[in-house]
PDB file of N, CA and C in Angstrom:
ATOM      1  N   MET A   1     -15.885   3.884  -4.287  1.00  0.00           N
ATOM      2  CA  MET A   1     -16.743   4.838  -3.632  1.00  0.00           C
ATOM      3  C   MET A   1     -17.403   5.675  -4.727  1.00  0.00           C
ATOM      4  N   ARG A   2     -18.693   5.867  -4.619  1.00  0.00           N
ATOM      5  CA  ARG A   2     -19.434   6.653  -5.606  1.00  0.00           C
ATOM      6  C   ARG A   2     -19.732   8.050  -5.080  1.00  0.00           C
ATOM      7  N   ASP A   3     -19.836   8.991  -6.028  1.00  0.00           N
ATOM      8  CA  ASP A   3     -20.269  10.332  -5.668  1.00  0.00           C
ATOM      9  C   ASP A   3     -21.732  10.501  -6.078  1.00  0.00           C
ATOM     10  N   THR A   4     -22.292  11.662  -5.778  1.00  0.00           N
ATOM     11  CA  THR A   4     -23.716  11.887  -6.033  1.00  0.00           C
ATOM     12  C   THR A   4     -24.052  11.977  -7.517  1.00  0.00           C
ATOM     13  N   ASP A   5     -23.058  12.117  -8.382  1.00  0.00           N
ATOM     14  CA  ASP A   5     -23.281  12.107  -9.832  1.00  0.00           C
ATOM     15  C   ASP A   5     -23.158  10.702 -10.412  1.00  0.00           C
ATOM     16  N   GLY A   6     -22.914   9.703  -9.561  1.00  0.00           N
ATOM     17  CA  GLY A   6     -22.789   8.330 -10.030  1.00  0.00           C
ATOM     18  C   GLY A   6     -21.392   7.956 -10.485  1.00  0.00           C
ATOM     19  N   ASN A   7     -20.432   8.863 -10.312  1.00  0.00           N
ATOM     20  CA  ASN A   7     -19.049   8.574 -10.691  1.00  0.00           C
ATOM     21  C   ASN A   7     -18.393   7.667  -9.652  1.00  0.00           C
ATOM     22  N   LEU A   8     -17.457   6.867 -10.105  1.00  0.00           N
ATOM     23  CA  LEU A   8     -16.757   5.921  -9.245  1.00  0.00           C
ATOM     24  C   LEU A   8     -15.351   6.429  -8.966  1.00  0.00           C
ATOM     25  N   TRP A   9     -14.964   6.474  -7.683  1.00  0.00           N
ATOM     26  CA  TRP A   9     -13.630   6.891  -7.251  1.00  0.00           C
ATOM     27  C   TRP A   9     -12.884   5.648  -6.792  1.00  0.00           C
ATOM     28  N   VAL A  10     -11.729   5.379  -7.413  1.00  0.00           N
ATOM     29  CA  VAL A  10     -11.010   4.126  -7.194  1.00  0.00           C
ATOM     30  C   VAL A  10      -9.553   4.403  -6.848  1.00  0.00           C
ATOM     31  N   ALA A  11      -9.064   3.793  -5.761  1.00  0.00           N
ATOM     32  CA  ALA A  11      -7.642   3.837  -5.426  1.00  0.00           C
ATOM     33  C   ALA A  11      -6.926   2.819  -6.305  1.00  0.00           C
ATOM     34  N   VAL A  12      -5.817   3.238  -6.924  1.00  0.00           N
ATOM     35  CA  VAL A  12      -5.081   2.361  -7.844  1.00  0.00           C
ATOM     36  C   VAL A  12      -3.748   1.980  -7.199  1.00  0.00           C
ATOM     37  N   TRP A  13      -3.694   0.755  -6.667  1.00  0.00           N
ATOM     38  CA  TRP A  13      -2.490   0.232  -6.005  1.00  0.00           C
ATOM     39  C   TRP A  13      -1.340   0.219  -6.998  1.00  0.00           C
ATOM     40  N   GLY A  14      -0.206   0.769  -6.598  1.00  0.00           N
ATOM     41  CA  GLY A  14       0.977   0.776  -7.437  1.00  0.00           C
ATOM     42  C   GLY A  14       1.126   2.021  -8.289  1.00  0.00           C
ATOM     43  N   ALA A  15       0.066   2.826  -8.390  1.00  0.00           N
ATOM     44  CA  ALA A  15       0.113   4.027  -9.231  1.00  0.00           C
ATOM     45  C   ALA A  15       0.198   5.315  -8.425  1.00  0.00           C
ATOM     46  N   GLY A  16      -0.079   5.257  -7.123  1.00  0.00           N
ATOM     47  CA  GLY A  16      -0.080   6.478  -6.321  1.00  0.00           C
ATOM     48  C   GLY A  16      -1.197   7.415  -6.712  1.00  0.00           C
ATOM     49  N   GLU A  17      -2.307   6.832  -7.172  1.00  0.00           N
ATOM     50  CA  GLU A  17      -3.404   7.639  -7.690  1.00  0.00           C
ATOM     51  C   GLU A  17      -4.757   7.152  -7.186  1.00  0.00           C
ATOM     52  N   VAL A  18      -5.687   8.108  -7.172  1.00  0.00           N
ATOM     53  CA  VAL A  18      -7.112   7.817  -7.084  1.00  0.00           C
ATOM     54  C   VAL A  18      -7.700   8.359  -8.371  1.00  0.00           C
ATOM     55  N   ARG A  19      -8.469   7.541  -9.051  1.00  0.00           N
ATOM     56  CA  ARG A  19      -9.062   7.943 -10.329  1.00  0.00           C
ATOM     57  C   ARG A  19     -10.574   7.984 -10.201  1.00  0.00           C
ATOM     58  N   CYS A  20     -11.154   8.963 -10.881  1.00  0.00           N
ATOM     59  CA  CYS A  20     -12.603   9.110 -10.919  1.00  0.00           C
ATOM     60  C   CYS A  20     -13.074   8.754 -12.320  1.00  0.00           C
ATOM     61  N   TYR A  21     -14.034   7.826 -12.398  1.00  0.00           N
ATOM     62  CA  TYR A  21     -14.586   7.388 -13.685  1.00  0.00           C
ATOM     63  C   TYR A  21     -16.077   7.680 -13.739  1.00  0.00           C
ATOM     64  N   SER A  22     -16.524   8.129 -14.909  1.00  0.00           N
ATOM     65  CA  SER A  22     -17.950   8.355 -15.128  1.00  0.00           C
ATOM     66  C   SER A  22     -18.662   7.008 -15.262  1.00  0.00           C
ATOM     67  N   PRO A  23     -19.994   6.998 -15.183  1.00  0.00           N
ATOM     68  CA  PRO A  23     -20.723   5.748 -15.407  1.00  0.00           C
ATOM     69  C   PRO A  23     -20.443   5.134 -16.784  1.00  0.00           C
ATOM     70  N   ALA A  24     -20.039   5.952 -17.761  1.00  0.00           N
ATOM     71  CA  ALA A  24     -19.712   5.448 -19.100  1.00  0.00           C
ATOM     72  C   ALA A  24     -18.286   4.912 -19.192  1.00  0.00           C
ATOM     73  N   GLY A  25     -17.503   5.085 -18.125  1.00  0.00           N
ATOM     74  CA  GLY A  25     -16.133   4.579 -18.101  1.00  0.00           C
ATOM     75  C   GLY A  25     -15.071   5.591 -18.476  1.00  0.00           C
ATOM     76  N   ASP A  26     -15.445   6.843 -18.667  1.00  0.00           N
ATOM     77  CA  ASP A  26     -14.474   7.891 -18.986  1.00  0.00           C
ATOM     78  C   ASP A  26     -13.777   8.356 -17.718  1.00  0.00           C
ATOM     79  N   ARG A  27     -12.449   8.541 -17.800  1.00  0.00           N
ATOM     80  CA  ARG A  27     -11.722   9.073 -16.640  1.00  0.00           C
ATOM     81  C   ARG A  27     -11.975  10.569 -16.578  1.00  0.00           C
ATOM     82  N   LEU A  28     -12.476  11.012 -15.427  1.00  0.00           N
ATOM     83  CA  LEU A  28     -12.823  12.415 -15.241  1.00  0.00           C
ATOM     84  C   LEU A  28     -11.797  13.181 -14.421  1.00  0.00           C
ATOM     85  N   ALA A  29     -11.124  12.485 -13.506  1.00  0.00           N
ATOM     86  CA  ALA A  29     -10.175  13.163 -12.617  1.00  0.00           C
ATOM     87  C   ALA A  29      -9.163  12.153 -12.101  1.00  0.00           C
ATOM     88  N   THR A  30      -7.992  12.685 -11.730  1.00  0.00           N
ATOM     89  CA  THR A  30      -6.953  11.887 -11.101  1.00  0.00           C
ATOM     90  C   THR A  30      -6.371  12.687  -9.948  1.00  0.00           C
ATOM     91  N   VAL A  31      -6.316  12.075  -8.787  1.00  0.00           N
ATOM     92  CA  VAL A  31      -5.688  12.678  -7.609  1.00  0.00           C
ATOM     93  C   VAL A  31      -4.432  11.865  -7.328  1.00  0.00           C
ATOM     94  N   THR A  32      -3.285  12.523  -7.267  1.00  0.00           N
ATOM     95  CA  THR A  32      -2.032  11.819  -6.986  1.00  0.00           C
ATOM     96  C   THR A  32      -1.575  12.129  -5.564  1.00  0.00           C
ATOM     97  N   VAL A  33      -0.916  11.143  -4.968  1.00  0.00           N
ATOM     98  CA  VAL A  33      -0.351  11.308  -3.632  1.00  0.00           C
ATOM     99  C   VAL A  33       1.100  10.832  -3.669  1.00  0.00           C
ATOM    100  N   PRO A  34       1.926  11.288  -2.714  1.00  0.00           N
ATOM    101  CA  PRO A  34       3.339  10.905  -2.708  1.00  0.00           C
ATOM    102  C   PRO A  34       3.588   9.538  -2.050  1.00  0.00           C
ATOM    103  N   ALA A  35       2.814   8.562  -2.474  1.00  0.00           N
ATOM    104  CA  ALA A  35       2.959   7.188  -1.994  1.00  0.00           C
ATOM    105  C   ALA A  35       2.424   6.283  -3.108  1.00  0.00           C
ATOM    106  N   PRO A  36       3.178   5.282  -3.531  1.00  0.00           N
ATOM    107  CA  PRO A  36       2.759   4.495  -4.694  1.00  0.00           C
ATOM    108  C   PRO A  36       1.573   3.572  -4.465  1.00  0.00           C
ATOM    109  N   HIS A  37       1.339   3.159  -3.221  1.00  0.00           N
ATOM    110  CA  HIS A  37       0.285   2.173  -2.972  1.00  0.00           C
ATOM    111  C   HIS A  37      -0.935   2.817  -2.325  1.00  0.00           C
ATOM    112  N   THR A  38      -1.821   3.397  -3.154  1.00  0.00           N
ATOM    113  CA  THR A  38      -3.102   3.869  -2.638  1.00  0.00           C
ATOM    114  C   THR A  38      -3.980   2.648  -2.435  1.00  0.00           C
ATOM    115  N   SER A  39      -4.672   2.597  -1.302  1.00  0.00           N
ATOM    116  CA  SER A  39      -5.404   1.374  -0.974  1.00  0.00           C
ATOM    117  C   SER A  39      -6.912   1.544  -0.871  1.00  0.00           C
ATOM    118  N   SER A  40      -7.390   2.716  -0.501  1.00  0.00           N
ATOM    119  CA  SER A  40      -8.830   2.899  -0.371  1.00  0.00           C
ATOM    120  C   SER A  40      -9.155   4.388  -0.339  1.00  0.00           C
ATOM    121  N   VAL A  41     -10.420   4.696  -0.603  1.00  0.00           N
ATOM    122  CA  VAL A  41     -10.888   6.084  -0.556  1.00  0.00           C
ATOM    123  C   VAL A  41     -12.244   6.140   0.141  1.00  0.00           C
ATOM    124  N   ALA A  42     -12.540   7.297   0.711  1.00  0.00           N
ATOM    125  CA  ALA A  42     -13.845   7.547   1.325  1.00  0.00           C
ATOM    126  C   ALA A  42     -14.088   9.045   1.318  1.00  0.00           C
ATOM    127  N   PHE A  43     -15.346   9.434   1.178  1.00  0.00           N
ATOM    128  CA  PHE A  43     -15.711  10.843   1.287  1.00  0.00           C
ATOM    129  C   PHE A  43     -15.967  11.170   2.747  1.00  0.00           C
ATOM    130  N   ALA A  44     -15.580  12.376   3.152  1.00  0.00           N
ATOM    131  CA  ALA A  44     -15.731  12.790   4.543  1.00  0.00           C
ATOM    132  C   ALA A  44     -16.010  14.285   4.597  1.00  0.00           C
ATOM    133  N   GLY A  45     -16.216  14.769   5.792  1.00  0.00           N
ATOM    134  CA  GLY A  45     -16.459  16.186   6.015  1.00  0.00           C
ATOM    135  C   GLY A  45     -17.943  16.495   6.028  1.00  0.00           C
ATOM    136  N   PRO A  46     -18.301  17.671   6.531  1.00  0.00           N
ATOM    137  CA  PRO A  46     -19.710  18.045   6.639  1.00  0.00           C
ATOM    138  C   PRO A  46     -20.440  18.046   5.291  1.00  0.00           C
ATOM    139  N   ARG A  47     -19.716  18.373   4.219  1.00  0.00           N
ATOM    140  CA  ARG A  47     -20.320  18.389   2.877  1.00  0.00           C
ATOM    141  C   ARG A  47     -19.932  17.160   2.053  1.00  0.00           C
ATOM    142  N   ARG A  48     -19.203  16.220   2.670  1.00  0.00           N
ATOM    143  CA  ARG A  48     -18.721  15.013   1.993  1.00  0.00           C
ATOM    144  C   ARG A  48     -17.978  15.366   0.701  1.00  0.00           C
ATOM    145  N   ASP A  49     -17.152  16.421   0.767  1.00  0.00           N
ATOM    146  CA  ASP A  49     -16.361  16.830  -0.398  1.00  0.00           C
ATOM    147  C   ASP A  49     -14.860  16.677  -0.155  1.00  0.00           C
ATOM    148  N   LEU A  50     -14.505  16.025   0.934  1.00  0.00           N
ATOM    149  CA  LEU A  50     -13.108  15.707   1.224  1.00  0.00           C
ATOM    150  C   LEU A  50     -12.898  14.234   0.912  1.00  0.00           C
ATOM    151  N   LEU A  51     -11.871  13.944   0.156  1.00  0.00           N
ATOM    152  CA  LEU A  51     -11.575  12.564  -0.202  1.00  0.00           C
ATOM    153  C   LEU A  51     -10.449  12.067   0.689  1.00  0.00           C
ATOM    154  N   LEU A  52     -10.748  11.095   1.549  1.00  0.00           N
ATOM    155  CA  LEU A  52      -9.729  10.476   2.395  1.00  0.00           C
ATOM    156  C   LEU A  52      -9.087   9.355   1.595  1.00  0.00           C
ATOM    157  N   ILE A  53      -7.766   9.332   1.576  1.00  0.00           N
ATOM    158  CA  ILE A  53      -7.023   8.354   0.783  1.00  0.00           C
ATOM    159  C   ILE A  53      -6.058   7.619   1.703  1.00  0.00           C
ATOM    160  N   THR A  54      -6.223   6.309   1.805  1.00  0.00           N
ATOM    161  CA  THR A  54      -5.292   5.509   2.595  1.00  0.00           C
ATOM    162  C   THR A  54      -4.218   4.951   1.679  1.00  0.00           C
ATOM    163  N   THR A  55      -3.030   4.753   2.249  1.00  0.00           N
ATOM    164  CA  THR A  55      -1.920   4.188   1.481  1.00  0.00           C
ATOM    165  C   THR A  55      -1.251   3.087   2.298  1.00  0.00           C
ATOM    166  N   GLY A  56      -0.524   2.234   1.611  1.00  0.00           N
ATOM    167  CA  GLY A  56       0.145   1.129   2.278  1.00  0.00           C
ATOM    168  C   GLY A  56       1.650   1.169   2.110  1.00  0.00           C
ATOM    169  N   ARG A  57       2.325   0.427   2.979  1.00  0.00           N
ATOM    170  CA  ARG A  57       3.779   0.306   2.921  1.00  0.00           C
ATOM    171  C   ARG A  57       4.210  -1.086   2.458  1.00  0.00           C
ATOM    172  N   GLU A  58       3.256  -2.015   2.418  1.00  0.00           N
ATOM    173  CA  GLU A  58       3.576  -3.397   2.069  1.00  0.00           C
ATOM    174  C   GLU A  58       4.203  -3.489   0.691  1.00  0.00           C
ATOM    175  N   LEU A  59       5.087  -4.447   0.537  1.00  0.00           N
ATOM    176  CA  LEU A  59       5.734  -4.783  -0.737  1.00  0.00           C
ATOM    177  C   LEU A  59       6.676  -3.695  -1.254  1.00  0.00           C
ATOM    178  N   LEU A  60       6.998  -2.706  -0.430  1.00  0.00           N
ATOM    179  CA  LEU A  60       7.953  -1.676  -0.839  1.00  0.00           C
ATOM    180  C   LEU A  60       9.334  -2.020  -0.290  1.00  0.00           C
ATOM    181  N   SER A  61      10.324  -1.987  -1.145  1.00  0.00           N
ATOM    182  CA  SER A  61      11.699  -2.238  -0.717  1.00  0.00           C
ATOM    183  C   SER A  61      12.189  -1.068   0.135  1.00  0.00           C
ATOM    184  N   SER A  62      13.316  -1.245   0.772  1.00  0.00           N
ATOM    185  CA  SER A  62      13.906  -0.157   1.562  1.00  0.00           C
ATOM    186  C   SER A  62      14.172   1.066   0.695  1.00  0.00           C
ATOM    187  N   ALA A  63      14.632   0.837  -0.516  1.00  0.00           N
ATOM    188  CA  ALA A  63      14.910   1.946  -1.429  1.00  0.00           C
ATOM    189  C   ALA A  63      13.622   2.698  -1.781  1.00  0.00           C
ATOM    190  N   ARG A  64      12.536   1.954  -2.022  1.00  0.00           N
ATOM    191  CA  ARG A  64      11.257   2.597  -2.356  1.00  0.00           C
ATOM    192  C   ARG A  64      10.696   3.342  -1.141  1.00  0.00           C
ATOM    193  N   LEU A  65      10.884   2.773   0.058  1.00  0.00           N
ATOM    194  CA  LEU A  65      10.439   3.477   1.253  1.00  0.00           C
ATOM    195  C   LEU A  65      11.230   4.757   1.466  1.00  0.00           C
ATOM    196  N   ASP A  66      12.510   4.729   1.134  1.00  0.00           N
ATOM    197  CA  ASP A  66      13.319   5.949   1.206  1.00  0.00           C
ATOM    198  C   ASP A  66      12.820   6.983   0.203  1.00  0.00           C
ATOM    199  N   ALA A  67      12.412   6.519  -0.983  1.00  0.00           N
ATOM    200  CA  ALA A  67      11.920   7.419  -2.024  1.00  0.00           C
ATOM    201  C   ALA A  67      10.521   7.943  -1.715  1.00  0.00           C
ATOM    202  N   TYR A  68       9.724   7.146  -0.993  1.00  0.00           N
ATOM    203  CA  TYR A  68       8.339   7.506  -0.666  1.00  0.00           C
ATOM    204  C   TYR A  68       8.114   7.371   0.841  1.00  0.00           C
ATOM    205  N   PRO A  69       8.716   8.272   1.635  1.00  0.00           N
ATOM    206  CA  PRO A  69       8.638   8.132   3.095  1.00  0.00           C
ATOM    207  C   PRO A  69       7.232   8.310   3.672  1.00  0.00           C
ATOM    208  N   LEU A  70       6.311   8.865   2.901  1.00  0.00           N
ATOM    209  CA  LEU A  70       4.947   9.051   3.398  1.00  0.00           C
ATOM    210  C   LEU A  70       4.050   7.849   3.122  1.00  0.00           C
ATOM    211  N   SER A  71       4.619   6.788   2.581  1.00  0.00           N
ATOM    212  CA  SER A  71       3.842   5.566   2.367  1.00  0.00           C
ATOM    213  C   SER A  71       3.294   5.080   3.694  1.00  0.00           C
ATOM    214  N   GLY A  72       2.035   4.653   3.688  1.00  0.00           N
ATOM    215  CA  GLY A  72       1.375   4.215   4.909  1.00  0.00           C
ATOM    216  C   GLY A  72       0.597   5.322   5.592  1.00  0.00           C
ATOM    217  N   HIS A  73       0.685   6.541   5.078  1.00  0.00           N
ATOM    218  CA  HIS A  73      -0.016   7.668   5.677  1.00  0.00           C
ATOM    219  C   HIS A  73      -1.406   7.827   5.077  1.00  0.00           C
ATOM    220  N   LEU A  74      -2.194   8.653   5.730  1.00  0.00           N
ATOM    221  CA  LEU A  74      -3.527   9.024   5.279  1.00  0.00           C
ATOM    222  C   LEU A  74      -3.440  10.410   4.660  1.00  0.00           C
ATOM    223  N   PHE A  75      -4.071  10.584   3.502  1.00  0.00           N
ATOM    224  CA  PHE A  75      -4.079  11.874   2.812  1.00  0.00           C
ATOM    225  C   PHE A  75      -5.511  12.359   2.663  1.00  0.00           C
ATOM    226  N   ILE A  76      -5.672  13.680   2.578  1.00  0.00           N
ATOM    227  CA  ILE A  76      -6.979  14.297   2.365  1.00  0.00           C
ATOM    228  C   ILE A  76      -6.866  15.201   1.147  1.00  0.00           C
ATOM    229  N   ALA A  77      -7.791  15.041   0.208  1.00  0.00           N
ATOM    230  CA  ALA A  77      -7.831  15.880  -0.984  1.00  0.00           C
ATOM    231  C   ALA A  77      -9.187  16.574  -1.060  1.00  0.00           C
ATOM    232  N   HIS A  78      -9.173  17.860  -1.358  1.00  0.00           N
ATOM    233  CA  HIS A  78     -10.415  18.587  -1.623  1.00  0.00           C
ATOM    234  C   HIS A  78     -10.765  18.316  -3.081  1.00  0.00           C
ATOM    235  N   VAL A  79     -11.959  17.795  -3.325  1.00  0.00           N
ATOM    236  CA  VAL A  79     -12.372  17.451  -4.682  1.00  0.00           C
ATOM    237  C   VAL A  79     -13.668  18.164  -5.029  1.00  0.00           C
ATOM    238  N   ASP A  80     -13.908  18.298  -6.325  1.00  0.00           N
ATOM    239  CA  ASP A  80     -15.127  18.928  -6.819  1.00  0.00           C
ATOM    240  C   ASP A  80     -16.186  17.848  -7.017  1.00  0.00           C
ATOM    241  N   ALA A  81     -16.548  17.198  -5.914  1.00  0.00           N
ATOM    242  CA  ALA A  81     -17.539  16.129  -5.937  1.00  0.00           C
ATOM    243  C   ALA A  81     -18.102  15.995  -4.534  1.00  0.00           C
ATOM    244  N   THR A  82     -19.259  15.383  -4.445  1.00  0.00           N
ATOM    245  CA  THR A  82     -19.891  15.119  -3.162  1.00  0.00           C
ATOM    246  C   THR A  82     -20.151  13.630  -3.054  1.00  0.00           C
ATOM    247  N   GLY A  83     -19.678  13.041  -1.984  1.00  0.00           N
ATOM    248  CA  GLY A  83     -19.866  11.609  -1.787  1.00  0.00           C
ATOM    249  C   GLY A  83     -21.292  11.266  -1.401  1.00  0.00           C
ATOM    250  N   VAL A  84     -21.691  10.073  -1.739  1.00  0.00           N
ATOM    251  CA  VAL A  84     -23.002   9.565  -1.364  1.00  0.00           C
ATOM    252  C   VAL A  84     -23.004   9.287   0.142  1.00  0.00           C
ATOM    253  N   ALA A  85     -24.063   9.672   0.796  1.00  0.00           N
ATOM    254  CA  ALA A  85     -24.180   9.407   2.238  1.00  0.00           C
ATOM    255  C   ALA A  85     -24.269   7.905   2.472  1.00  0.00           C
ATOM    256  N   VAL A  86     -23.594   7.450   3.501  1.00  0.00           N
ATOM    257  CA  VAL A  86     -23.641   6.038   3.875  1.00  0.00           C
ATOM    258  C   VAL A  86     -24.108   5.931   5.318  1.00  0.00           C
ATOM    259  N   ALA A  87     -24.637   4.777   5.665  1.00  0.00           N
ATOM    260  CA  ALA A  87     -25.085   4.552   7.035  1.00  0.00           C
ATOM    261  C   ALA A  87     -23.885   4.525   7.966  1.00  0.00           C
ATOM    262  N   PRO A  88     -24.006   5.114   9.152  1.00  0.00           N
ATOM    263  CA  PRO A  88     -22.895   5.062  10.102  1.00  0.00           C
ATOM    264  C   PRO A  88     -22.624   3.626  10.539  1.00  0.00           C
ATOM    265  N   TRP A  89     -21.378   3.373  10.848  1.00  0.00           N
ATOM    266  CA  TRP A  89     -20.979   2.045  11.301  1.00  0.00           C
ATOM    267  C   TRP A  89     -21.501   1.823  12.708  1.00  0.00           C
ATOM    268  N   ALA A  90     -21.996   0.632  12.943  1.00  0.00           N
ATOM    269  CA  ALA A  90     -22.429   0.248  14.291  1.00  0.00           C
ATOM    270  C   ALA A  90     -21.878  -1.132  14.575  1.00  0.00           C
ATOM    271  N   PRO A  91     -21.250  -1.306  15.711  1.00  0.00           N
ATOM    272  CA  PRO A  91     -20.680  -2.622  16.021  1.00  0.00           C
ATOM    273  C   PRO A  91     -21.770  -3.681  16.177  1.00  0.00           C
ATOM    274  N   VAL A  92     -21.428  -4.880  15.801  1.00  0.00           N
ATOM    275  CA  VAL A  92     -22.328  -6.015  15.982  1.00  0.00           C
ATOM    276  C   VAL A  92     -22.092  -6.574  17.377  1.00  0.00           C
ATOM    277  N   THR A  93     -23.138  -6.676  18.123  1.00  0.00           N
ATOM    278  CA  THR A  93     -23.011  -7.248  19.465  1.00  0.00           C
ATOM    279  C   THR A  93     -23.755  -8.577  19.487  1.00  0.00           C
ATOM    280  N   GLY A  94     -23.296  -9.424  20.282  1.00  0.00           N
ATOM    281  CA  GLY A  94     -23.969 -10.714  20.255  1.00  0.00           C
ATOM    282  C   GLY A  94     -23.823 -11.469  21.433  1.00  0.00           C
TER     283      GLY A  94
END
């Protein structure tokens, strides 16, 4: 997911992080969540400054699920960035 400055926001599976990279490849920010498998990100909110972070439970052992009980949850982070506007989803009918 890109922000209005052209930076790329990436969920890093296995790290419990979302990382922001500049167009030159420099890491600018890291958002951590209490779940090791971050799976996707999206900007939301009226100003598109809320980062929605999805996480997964797949491939986690019982012990890891005990250690990270919030795995599989959705997280929201306030970030100092504005997401690029995207077209609203519309179902395909046929």
